[in-house]
Amino acid sequence: MIKCPGCGKTLPDGNKNCQFCGADVSAVPRPVVAQKPRSYQAPGAPKWVSPAYYVVSGYYVLAGLVFVLTGLKSYGSIIFGVIDILFGIGLLLKIDLVRGIANILCWIQIALGAFGVLNTLALVALFGPYALVLVLMNVVQIAAAGFMIYLISETDEFANI
């Protein structure tokens, strides 16, 4: 808010003339609104979260490159590799649509991992300790997906506002 130099009344910042006395107020200095610096992680998030987010996101790009380079004879590998690369770039650039899709896919991975744990536990009786490796792989899948959900939520600039 600014004050009119003619009548002393309080006026909105955008006025060029006083609405009460008609005086020109375009030269009156306006208060400077401090711009809030852009935050790349939620307030109160640990400092390691942002670098970890970029490492995991970069992993998607690198994994996609490996798929493309090792699957030069298979169109399926190339397609999945390109999708991984684009997905990783979208996460690195913090594109909201990609981050939302990543959250959904991670929840699906958690559900499938839990289902996989139950299935492979049944196989332990048949195949013994060899099936425990499959159980461990499913637990790692659940943990990785949960970690990515955590990282996405903690690097949301509008979280907890």
Protein backbone atom coordinates (compact mmCIF):
# COMPACT_ATOMS: atom_id res chain seq x y z
CA MET A 1 0.00 0.00 0.00
CA ILE A 2 1.13 3.53 -0.75
CA LYS A 3 0.15 6.97 0.60
CA CYS A 4 -1.14 9.74 -1.64
CA PRO A 5 1.14 12.81 -1.41
CA GLY A 6 -1.89 15.08 -1.99
CA CYS A 7 -4.46 13.89 0.55
CA GLY A 8 -2.49 11.32 2.61
CA LYS A 9 -4.98 8.49 2.04
CA THR A 10 -3.81 4.89 1.69
CA LEU A 11 -4.01 3.47 -1.85
CA PRO A 12 -3.35 0.10 -3.48
CA ASP A 13 0.13 -0.30 -4.98
CA GLY A 14 -1.12 -0.48 -8.57
CA ASN A 15 -2.87 2.91 -8.65
CA LYS A 16 -1.49 5.62 -10.94
CA ASN A 17 -3.86 8.33 -9.68
CA CYS A 18 -5.39 8.86 -6.26
CA GLN A 19 -8.99 7.67 -6.23
CA PHE A 20 -9.86 10.33 -3.64
CA CYS A 21 -8.19 13.55 -4.84
CA GLY A 22 -7.03 12.59 -8.35
CA ALA A 23 -3.36 13.35 -7.67
CA ASP A 24 -0.73 11.59 -9.80
CA VAL A 25 0.84 8.86 -7.62
CA SER A 26 2.85 7.10 -10.35
CA ALA A 27 6.11 8.56 -8.98
CA VAL A 28 5.42 7.42 -5.40
CA PRO A 29 7.86 4.60 -4.50
CA ARG A 30 6.19 1.22 -4.18
CA PRO A 31 7.13 -1.29 -1.49
CA VAL A 32 9.42 -4.00 -2.78
CA VAL A 33 7.99 -7.47 -2.33
CA ALA A 34 10.78 -9.88 -1.50
CA GLN A 35 10.69 -12.88 -3.80
CA LYS A 36 10.84 -16.19 -2.00
CA PRO A 37 13.84 -18.14 -3.26
CA ARG A 38 12.93 -21.29 -5.17
CA SER A 39 13.32 -24.31 -2.97
CA TYR A 40 14.35 -27.68 -4.33
CA GLN A 41 13.26 -29.64 -1.32
CA ALA A 42 10.55 -29.56 1.29
CA PRO A 43 11.11 -27.32 4.31
CA GLY A 44 12.83 -29.27 7.06
CA ALA A 45 13.98 -32.08 4.76
CA PRO A 46 17.47 -33.46 5.41
CA LYS A 47 20.22 -31.99 3.23
CA TRP A 48 21.09 -35.38 1.69
CA VAL A 49 17.61 -35.75 0.14
CA SER A 50 18.14 -33.51 -2.87
CA PRO A 51 21.45 -35.09 -3.97
CA ALA A 52 19.98 -38.56 -3.42
CA TYR A 53 17.00 -37.63 -5.60
CA TYR A 54 19.29 -36.58 -8.43
CA VAL A 55 21.42 -39.72 -8.08
CA VAL A 56 18.37 -42.00 -8.29
CA SER A 57 16.92 -39.98 -11.18
CA GLY A 58 20.26 -40.13 -12.99
CA TYR A 59 20.26 -43.89 -12.46
CA TYR A 60 17.14 -44.13 -14.64
CA VAL A 61 18.97 -42.31 -17.44
CA LEU A 62 22.02 -44.57 -17.14
CA ALA A 63 19.90 -47.73 -16.93
CA GLY A 64 18.09 -46.63 -20.08
CA LEU A 65 21.39 -46.08 -21.87
CA VAL A 66 22.49 -49.59 -20.89
CA PHE A 67 19.22 -51.02 -22.23
CA VAL A 68 19.67 -49.17 -25.52
CA LEU A 69 23.34 -50.09 -25.95
CA THR A 70 22.94 -53.75 -25.00
CA GLY A 71 19.70 -54.24 -26.89
CA LEU A 72 20.76 -53.03 -30.31
CA LYS A 73 19.40 -56.26 -31.83
CA SER A 74 16.11 -56.07 -29.92
CA TYR A 75 13.58 -53.32 -30.54
CA GLY A 76 11.91 -54.04 -27.18
CA SER A 77 15.08 -53.28 -25.24
CA ILE A 78 15.64 -50.10 -27.22
CA ILE A 79 12.07 -48.92 -26.62
CA PHE A 80 12.24 -49.62 -22.88
CA GLY A 81 15.66 -47.99 -22.74
CA VAL A 82 14.41 -44.82 -24.41
CA ILE A 83 11.42 -44.75 -22.04
CA ASP A 84 13.79 -45.07 -19.06
CA ILE A 85 15.99 -42.28 -20.42
CA LEU A 86 13.03 -39.94 -20.94
CA PHE A 87 11.62 -40.89 -17.55
CA GLY A 88 14.95 -40.13 -15.86
CA ILE A 89 15.28 -36.80 -17.65
CA GLY A 90 11.74 -35.90 -16.59
CA LEU A 91 12.63 -36.69 -12.98
CA LEU A 92 15.86 -34.67 -13.22
CA LEU A 93 13.94 -31.70 -14.59
CA LYS A 94 11.25 -32.19 -11.91
CA ILE A 95 8.40 -32.31 -14.38
CA ASP A 96 5.28 -32.73 -12.23
CA LEU A 97 3.58 -35.18 -14.61
CA VAL A 98 6.61 -37.50 -14.61
CA ARG A 99 6.94 -37.26 -10.82
CA GLY A 100 3.25 -38.15 -10.46
CA ILE A 101 3.62 -41.13 -12.78
CA ALA A 102 6.72 -42.20 -10.84
CA ASN A 103 4.72 -42.16 -7.60
CA ILE A 104 2.01 -44.33 -9.12
CA LEU A 105 4.53 -46.76 -10.60
CA CYS A 106 6.39 -47.00 -7.30
CA TRP A 107 3.19 -47.86 -5.44
CA ILE A 108 2.50 -50.54 -8.05
CA GLN A 109 6.05 -51.86 -7.55
CA ILE A 110 5.46 -52.04 -3.80
CA ALA A 111 2.24 -54.00 -4.32
CA LEU A 112 3.87 -56.36 -6.81
CA GLY A 113 6.90 -56.76 -4.54
CA ALA A 114 4.68 -57.68 -1.59
CA PHE A 115 2.84 -60.19 -3.76
CA GLY A 116 6.20 -61.54 -4.93
CA VAL A 117 7.39 -61.97 -1.34
CA LEU A 118 4.31 -64.03 -0.52
CA ASN A 119 4.74 -66.15 -3.65
CA THR A 120 8.42 -66.81 -3.13
CA LEU A 121 7.93 -67.65 0.53
CA ALA A 122 5.75 -70.50 -0.68
CA LEU A 123 8.60 -71.60 -2.95
CA VAL A 124 11.03 -71.80 -0.02
CA ALA A 125 9.36 -75.04 1.04
CA LEU A 126 9.96 -76.50 -2.44
CA PHE A 127 13.34 -75.08 -3.42
CA GLY A 128 14.91 -74.35 -0.05
CA PRO A 129 17.34 -71.47 0.46
CA TYR A 130 17.60 -70.71 -3.27
CA ALA A 131 14.13 -69.17 -3.16
CA LEU A 132 15.30 -66.83 -0.38
CA VAL A 133 17.28 -64.92 -3.00
CA LEU A 134 13.98 -64.17 -4.77
CA VAL A 135 12.47 -63.04 -1.46
CA LEU A 136 15.43 -60.71 -0.94
CA MET A 137 15.09 -59.29 -4.48
CA ASN A 138 11.42 -58.52 -3.84
CA VAL A 139 12.23 -56.84 -0.52
CA VAL A 140 14.87 -54.70 -2.27
CA GLN A 141 12.29 -53.77 -4.93
CA ILE A 142 9.84 -52.68 -2.21
CA ALA A 143 12.54 -50.67 -0.41
CA ALA A 144 13.73 -48.95 -3.62
CA ALA A 145 10.19 -47.97 -4.62
CA GLY A 146 9.44 -46.67 -1.13
CA PHE A 147 12.69 -44.70 -1.14
CA MET A 148 11.79 -43.08 -4.47
CA ILE A 149 8.35 -42.10 -3.14
CA TYR A 150 10.07 -40.55 -0.12
CA LEU A 151 12.56 -38.66 -2.29
CA ILE A 152 9.84 -37.30 -4.57
CA SER A 153 7.81 -36.06 -1.61
CA GLU A 154 10.82 -34.49 0.10
CA THR A 155 11.96 -32.67 -3.04
CA ASP A 156 8.55 -31.15 -3.72
CA GLU A 157 9.01 -27.39 -3.50
CA PHE A 158 5.39 -26.90 -2.44
CA ALA A 159 5.37 -29.57 0.27
CA ASN A 160 4.29 -28.48 3.75
CA ILE A 161 3.45 -24.94 2.68
